Amino acid sequence: MRVALILLLSAWLMGCAATSPAPETRGVPLAVSSQVAQAAVLDVLAERGYVIRHADAELGRVDAVLARWPGYRVRATVTPDGSGSRATLSATWGGRPLPPDRLDPLLSELETRLAADP
């Protein structure tokens, strides 16, 4: 009985130590500088109700959360790409990776906003 209890407890604890897979990314090339693209990413996320938890212009990274159950977390990375830049998004939902196609509306809004800006 004692051995069975120890094995059961060990199996339960091993399940707690398992990590979820890293979220897949989705990206788009942009015809603007990385500074302009990162500012647009911040604007789009803030307008959608995300709280910007961390933004680092040197790293080109933005971490934002949406305080809606079960909790959305978005990580945006903006990198120089030739004469423009590339914005890449990944997200989790309740701690699990969000399918990358669910990020398409954010990326479309970002592209539209940057195409409309002179």
N, C-alpha and C. Protein backbone atom coordinates (compact mmCIF):
# COMPACT_ATOMS: atom_id res chain seq x y z
N MET A 1 0.83 -1.20 0.00
CA MET A 1 0.00 0.00 0.00
C MET A 1 0.87 1.27 0.00
N ARG A 2 1.90 1.26 0.81
CA ARG A 2 2.78 2.42 0.91
C ARG A 2 3.52 2.65 -0.42
N VAL A 3 3.97 1.58 -1.06
CA VAL A 3 4.67 1.69 -2.33
C VAL A 3 3.73 2.25 -3.40
N ALA A 4 2.49 1.78 -3.42
CA ALA A 4 1.51 2.27 -4.39
C ALA A 4 1.26 3.76 -4.18
N LEU A 5 1.17 4.19 -2.94
CA LEU A 5 0.94 5.60 -2.64
C LEU A 5 2.13 6.45 -3.10
N ILE A 6 3.34 5.97 -2.88
CA ILE A 6 4.55 6.70 -3.30
C ILE A 6 4.59 6.79 -4.83
N LEU A 7 4.29 5.70 -5.52
CA LEU A 7 4.27 5.70 -6.98
C LEU A 7 3.21 6.66 -7.52
N LEU A 8 2.04 6.65 -6.91
CA LEU A 8 0.97 7.55 -7.34
C LEU A 8 1.37 9.01 -7.13
N LEU A 9 1.94 9.32 -5.99
CA LEU A 9 2.39 10.68 -5.71
C LEU A 9 3.50 11.11 -6.67
N SER A 10 4.43 10.20 -6.97
CA SER A 10 5.52 10.51 -7.90
C SER A 10 4.98 10.80 -9.29
N ALA A 11 4.03 9.98 -9.75
CA ALA A 11 3.43 10.20 -11.06
C ALA A 11 2.70 11.53 -11.12
N TRP A 12 2.01 11.88 -10.06
CA TRP A 12 1.29 13.15 -10.02
C TRP A 12 2.25 14.33 -10.08
N LEU A 13 3.36 14.24 -9.34
CA LEU A 13 4.34 15.32 -9.34
C LEU A 13 5.04 15.43 -10.69
N MET A 14 5.26 14.33 -11.39
CA MET A 14 5.88 14.39 -12.70
C MET A 14 4.99 15.13 -13.68
N GLY A 15 3.69 14.99 -13.53
CA GLY A 15 2.75 15.71 -14.39
C GLY A 15 2.82 17.21 -14.16
N CYS A 16 3.12 17.62 -12.94
CA CYS A 16 3.25 19.05 -12.63
C CYS A 16 4.50 19.64 -13.25
N ALA A 17 5.52 18.83 -13.42
CA ALA A 17 6.79 19.33 -13.94
C ALA A 17 6.80 19.43 -15.46
N ALA A 18 5.81 18.85 -16.11
CA ALA A 18 5.76 18.90 -17.58
C ALA A 18 5.51 20.33 -18.04
N THR A 19 6.19 20.72 -19.09
CA THR A 19 6.01 22.07 -19.62
C THR A 19 5.20 22.00 -20.90
N SER A 20 4.47 23.05 -21.17
CA SER A 20 3.71 23.09 -22.41
C SER A 20 4.65 23.49 -23.55
N PRO A 21 4.33 23.08 -24.76
CA PRO A 21 5.20 23.42 -25.89
C PRO A 21 5.22 24.93 -26.13
N ALA A 22 6.30 25.39 -26.72
CA ALA A 22 6.43 26.81 -27.04
C ALA A 22 5.41 27.18 -28.11
N PRO A 23 4.80 28.36 -28.00
CA PRO A 23 3.82 28.77 -29.01
C PRO A 23 4.48 29.01 -30.36
N GLU A 24 3.75 28.68 -31.42
CA GLU A 24 4.23 28.93 -32.77
C GLU A 24 4.11 30.41 -33.08
N THR A 25 4.93 30.88 -33.98
CA THR A 25 4.92 32.30 -34.32
C THR A 25 4.28 32.51 -35.69
N ARG A 26 3.83 33.72 -35.90
CA ARG A 26 3.28 34.14 -37.18
C ARG A 26 3.86 35.52 -37.44
N GLY A 27 4.38 35.76 -38.63
CA GLY A 27 5.02 37.04 -38.91
C GLY A 27 4.68 37.61 -40.26
N VAL A 28 4.96 38.90 -40.40
CA VAL A 28 4.74 39.61 -41.66
C VAL A 28 5.90 40.57 -41.91
N PRO A 29 6.31 40.70 -43.17
CA PRO A 29 7.30 41.73 -43.49
C PRO A 29 6.60 43.09 -43.57
N LEU A 30 7.29 44.12 -43.14
CA LEU A 30 6.73 45.47 -43.15
C LEU A 30 7.71 46.41 -43.84
N ALA A 31 7.18 47.38 -44.57
CA ALA A 31 8.02 48.31 -45.34
C ALA A 31 8.34 49.57 -44.55
N VAL A 32 8.48 49.43 -43.22
CA VAL A 32 8.82 50.57 -42.36
C VAL A 32 9.96 50.16 -41.45
N SER A 33 10.57 51.15 -40.81
CA SER A 33 11.66 50.85 -39.88
C SER A 33 11.14 50.06 -38.69
N SER A 34 12.05 49.41 -38.00
CA SER A 34 11.65 48.61 -36.85
C SER A 34 11.09 49.49 -35.72
N GLN A 35 11.57 50.74 -35.60
CA GLN A 35 11.04 51.64 -34.57
C GLN A 35 9.58 52.00 -34.86
N VAL A 36 9.28 52.30 -36.11
CA VAL A 36 7.90 52.64 -36.50
C VAL A 36 7.01 51.42 -36.33
N ALA A 37 7.51 50.26 -36.72
CA ALA A 37 6.72 49.03 -36.59
C ALA A 37 6.43 48.70 -35.14
N GLN A 38 7.43 48.86 -34.26
CA GLN A 38 7.21 48.56 -32.85
C GLN A 38 6.20 49.52 -32.23
N ALA A 39 6.25 50.80 -32.61
CA ALA A 39 5.27 51.77 -32.11
C ALA A 39 3.86 51.38 -32.58
N ALA A 40 3.74 50.90 -33.81
CA ALA A 40 2.44 50.48 -34.33
C ALA A 40 1.94 49.23 -33.60
N VAL A 41 2.84 48.31 -33.29
CA VAL A 41 2.47 47.11 -32.53
C VAL A 41 1.92 47.52 -31.17
N LEU A 42 2.61 48.42 -30.50
CA LEU A 42 2.14 48.91 -29.19
C LEU A 42 0.76 49.54 -29.30
N ASP A 43 0.55 50.36 -30.32
CA ASP A 43 -0.75 51.01 -30.51
C ASP A 43 -1.86 50.00 -30.76
N VAL A 44 -1.61 49.03 -31.64
CA VAL A 44 -2.64 48.03 -31.98
C VAL A 44 -3.01 47.22 -30.74
N LEU A 45 -2.02 46.77 -30.00
CA LEU A 45 -2.31 45.97 -28.80
C LEU A 45 -3.05 46.79 -27.75
N ALA A 46 -2.62 48.03 -27.52
CA ALA A 46 -3.28 48.88 -26.52
C ALA A 46 -4.72 49.17 -26.92
N GLU A 47 -4.98 49.43 -28.20
CA GLU A 47 -6.34 49.70 -28.66
C GLU A 47 -7.24 48.48 -28.54
N ARG A 48 -6.66 47.30 -28.60
CA ARG A 48 -7.43 46.06 -28.45
C ARG A 48 -7.63 45.68 -26.98
N GLY A 49 -7.12 46.49 -26.06
CA GLY A 49 -7.33 46.23 -24.64
C GLY A 49 -6.23 45.48 -23.94
N TYR A 50 -5.14 45.23 -24.64
CA TYR A 50 -4.01 44.55 -24.00
C TYR A 50 -3.25 45.51 -23.10
N VAL A 51 -2.77 45.00 -21.99
CA VAL A 51 -1.92 45.77 -21.09
C VAL A 51 -0.48 45.44 -21.46
N ILE A 52 0.29 46.46 -21.76
CA ILE A 52 1.69 46.27 -22.14
C ILE A 52 2.48 46.04 -20.85
N ARG A 53 3.01 44.85 -20.69
CA ARG A 53 3.76 44.53 -19.48
C ARG A 53 5.23 44.86 -19.63
N HIS A 54 5.72 44.76 -20.86
CA HIS A 54 7.14 45.02 -21.08
C HIS A 54 7.33 45.41 -22.55
N ALA A 55 8.10 46.46 -22.77
CA ALA A 55 8.44 46.85 -24.14
C ALA A 55 9.89 47.31 -24.13
N ASP A 56 10.69 46.70 -24.99
CA ASP A 56 12.10 47.03 -25.06
C ASP A 56 12.45 47.35 -26.51
N ALA A 57 12.71 48.62 -26.78
CA ALA A 57 12.99 49.06 -28.15
C ALA A 57 14.30 48.48 -28.67
N GLU A 58 15.30 48.33 -27.81
CA GLU A 58 16.58 47.78 -28.26
C GLU A 58 16.46 46.32 -28.67
N LEU A 59 15.69 45.56 -27.93
CA LEU A 59 15.48 44.15 -28.26
C LEU A 59 14.38 43.97 -29.29
N GLY A 60 13.57 45.00 -29.48
CA GLY A 60 12.45 44.90 -30.41
C GLY A 60 11.38 43.97 -29.92
N ARG A 61 11.16 43.94 -28.61
CA ARG A 61 10.22 42.98 -28.02
C ARG A 61 9.14 43.67 -27.22
N VAL A 62 7.92 43.14 -27.33
CA VAL A 62 6.78 43.64 -26.57
C VAL A 62 6.07 42.43 -25.98
N ASP A 63 5.79 42.49 -24.67
CA ASP A 63 4.99 41.48 -24.00
C ASP A 63 3.72 42.15 -23.50
N ALA A 64 2.58 41.58 -23.84
CA ALA A 64 1.30 42.17 -23.45
C ALA A 64 0.35 41.07 -22.99
N VAL A 65 -0.58 41.44 -22.11
CA VAL A 65 -1.58 40.50 -21.61
C VAL A 65 -2.96 41.11 -21.75
N LEU A 66 -3.92 40.25 -21.93
CA LEU A 66 -5.32 40.65 -21.97
C LEU A 66 -5.98 40.02 -20.76
N ALA A 67 -6.45 40.86 -19.85
CA ALA A 67 -6.99 40.38 -18.59
C ALA A 67 -8.42 39.88 -18.76
N ARG A 68 -8.57 38.93 -19.62
CA ARG A 68 -9.87 38.30 -19.87
C ARG A 68 -9.68 36.80 -19.67
N TRP A 69 -10.58 36.15 -18.96
CA TRP A 69 -10.41 34.74 -18.67
C TRP A 69 -10.36 33.95 -19.95
N PRO A 70 -9.52 33.00 -20.12
CA PRO A 70 -8.54 32.45 -19.20
C PRO A 70 -7.18 33.13 -19.27
N GLY A 71 -7.10 34.27 -19.90
CA GLY A 71 -5.85 35.02 -19.95
C GLY A 71 -5.09 34.81 -21.24
N TYR A 72 -4.93 35.88 -21.98
CA TYR A 72 -4.16 35.85 -23.22
C TYR A 72 -2.86 36.59 -23.00
N ARG A 73 -1.78 36.03 -23.52
CA ARG A 73 -0.48 36.68 -23.45
C ARG A 73 0.10 36.69 -24.86
N VAL A 74 0.50 37.87 -25.32
CA VAL A 74 1.06 38.02 -26.66
C VAL A 74 2.49 38.51 -26.54
N ARG A 75 3.36 37.90 -27.32
CA ARG A 75 4.75 38.37 -27.42
C ARG A 75 4.96 38.79 -28.87
N ALA A 76 5.37 40.03 -29.05
CA ALA A 76 5.66 40.57 -30.38
C ALA A 76 7.15 40.87 -30.45
N THR A 77 7.73 40.51 -31.57
CA THR A 77 9.13 40.80 -31.82
C THR A 77 9.23 41.52 -33.15
N VAL A 78 9.92 42.64 -33.16
CA VAL A 78 10.12 43.41 -34.39
C VAL A 78 11.62 43.46 -34.66
N THR A 79 12.01 42.99 -35.84
CA THR A 79 13.43 42.96 -36.20
C THR A 79 13.64 43.65 -37.54
N PRO A 80 14.81 44.27 -37.72
CA PRO A 80 15.12 44.85 -39.03
C PRO A 80 15.18 43.73 -40.07
N ASP A 81 14.70 44.04 -41.27
CA ASP A 81 14.67 43.04 -42.34
C ASP A 81 14.89 43.76 -43.67
N GLY A 82 16.13 43.77 -44.12
CA GLY A 82 16.46 44.49 -45.35
C GLY A 82 16.23 45.98 -45.17
N SER A 83 15.42 46.57 -46.05
CA SER A 83 15.14 48.00 -45.93
C SER A 83 13.93 48.27 -45.05
N GLY A 84 13.28 47.25 -44.56
CA GLY A 84 12.10 47.41 -43.70
C GLY A 84 12.29 46.68 -42.38
N SER A 85 11.25 45.98 -41.97
CA SER A 85 11.30 45.23 -40.72
C SER A 85 10.37 44.02 -40.82
N ARG A 86 10.41 43.19 -39.82
CA ARG A 86 9.53 42.02 -39.76
C ARG A 86 8.93 41.96 -38.36
N ALA A 87 7.61 41.85 -38.29
CA ALA A 87 6.91 41.71 -37.01
C ALA A 87 6.49 40.25 -36.87
N THR A 88 6.81 39.67 -35.73
CA THR A 88 6.47 38.29 -35.44
C THR A 88 5.70 38.24 -34.13
N LEU A 89 4.57 37.52 -34.13
CA LEU A 89 3.74 37.40 -32.94
C LEU A 89 3.63 35.94 -32.54
N SER A 90 3.53 35.71 -31.23
CA SER A 90 3.18 34.41 -30.69
C SER A 90 2.28 34.69 -29.48
N ALA A 91 1.47 33.70 -29.10
CA ALA A 91 0.53 33.94 -28.01
C ALA A 91 0.22 32.65 -27.26
N THR A 92 -0.15 32.84 -26.00
CA THR A 92 -0.66 31.74 -25.19
C THR A 92 -2.03 32.13 -24.66
N TRP A 93 -2.80 31.12 -24.38
CA TRP A 93 -4.16 31.29 -23.88
C TRP A 93 -4.33 30.33 -22.72
N GLY A 94 -4.43 30.87 -21.52
CA GLY A 94 -4.52 30.02 -20.34
C GLY A 94 -3.28 29.17 -20.14
N GLY A 95 -2.13 29.68 -20.58
CA GLY A 95 -0.88 28.96 -20.44
C GLY A 95 -0.60 27.97 -21.57
N ARG A 96 -1.55 27.79 -22.48
CA ARG A 96 -1.35 26.88 -23.62
C ARG A 96 -1.11 27.70 -24.88
N PRO A 97 -0.32 27.17 -25.81
CA PRO A 97 -0.05 27.91 -27.05
C PRO A 97 -1.35 28.16 -27.82
N LEU A 98 -1.48 29.35 -28.32
CA LEU A 98 -2.62 29.72 -29.16
C LEU A 98 -2.26 29.39 -30.60
N PRO A 99 -3.17 28.80 -31.36
CA PRO A 99 -2.86 28.50 -32.77
C PRO A 99 -2.44 29.79 -33.48
N PRO A 100 -1.38 29.72 -34.28
CA PRO A 100 -0.83 30.94 -34.89
C PRO A 100 -1.81 31.65 -35.81
N ASP A 101 -2.76 30.94 -36.42
CA ASP A 101 -3.71 31.61 -37.32
C ASP A 101 -4.66 32.53 -36.56
N ARG A 102 -4.77 32.38 -35.25
CA ARG A 102 -5.61 33.27 -34.44
C ARG A 102 -4.98 34.66 -34.29
N LEU A 103 -3.71 34.79 -34.69
CA LEU A 103 -3.02 36.07 -34.62
C LEU A 103 -3.19 36.88 -35.90
N ASP A 104 -3.77 36.28 -36.92
CA ASP A 104 -3.93 36.96 -38.21
C ASP A 104 -4.68 38.29 -38.12
N PRO A 105 -5.76 38.40 -37.31
CA PRO A 105 -6.42 39.71 -37.22
C PRO A 105 -5.50 40.82 -36.69
N LEU A 106 -4.66 40.50 -35.72
CA LEU A 106 -3.72 41.51 -35.22
C LEU A 106 -2.71 41.90 -36.28
N LEU A 107 -2.19 40.90 -36.99
CA LEU A 107 -1.21 41.20 -38.04
C LEU A 107 -1.84 41.97 -39.20
N SER A 108 -3.08 41.64 -39.55
CA SER A 108 -3.78 42.37 -40.62
C SER A 108 -4.00 43.82 -40.23
N GLU A 109 -4.41 44.03 -38.98
CA GLU A 109 -4.61 45.40 -38.51
C GLU A 109 -3.30 46.18 -38.52
N LEU A 110 -2.23 45.52 -38.13
CA LEU A 110 -0.91 46.15 -38.16
C LEU A 110 -0.51 46.54 -39.58
N GLU A 111 -0.68 45.63 -40.52
CA GLU A 111 -0.35 45.92 -41.92
C GLU A 111 -1.20 47.06 -42.46
N THR A 112 -2.50 47.05 -42.17
CA THR A 112 -3.41 48.09 -42.64
C THR A 112 -3.01 49.45 -42.08
N ARG A 113 -2.71 49.47 -40.79
CA ARG A 113 -2.32 50.74 -40.14
C ARG A 113 -1.05 51.30 -40.76
N LEU A 114 -0.08 50.45 -40.99
CA LEU A 114 1.20 50.94 -41.55
C LEU A 114 1.10 51.28 -43.02
N ALA A 115 0.18 50.66 -43.75
CA ALA A 115 -0.03 51.00 -45.16
C ALA A 115 -0.74 52.35 -45.28
N ALA A 116 -1.58 52.67 -44.31
CA ALA A 116 -2.34 53.93 -44.35
C ALA A 116 -1.48 55.11 -43.91
N ASP A 117 -0.47 54.86 -43.05
CA ASP A 117 0.39 55.95 -42.59
C ASP A 117 1.34 56.37 -43.72
N PRO A 118 1.51 57.68 -43.91
CA PRO A 118 2.42 58.15 -44.98
C PRO A 118 3.87 57.92 -44.60
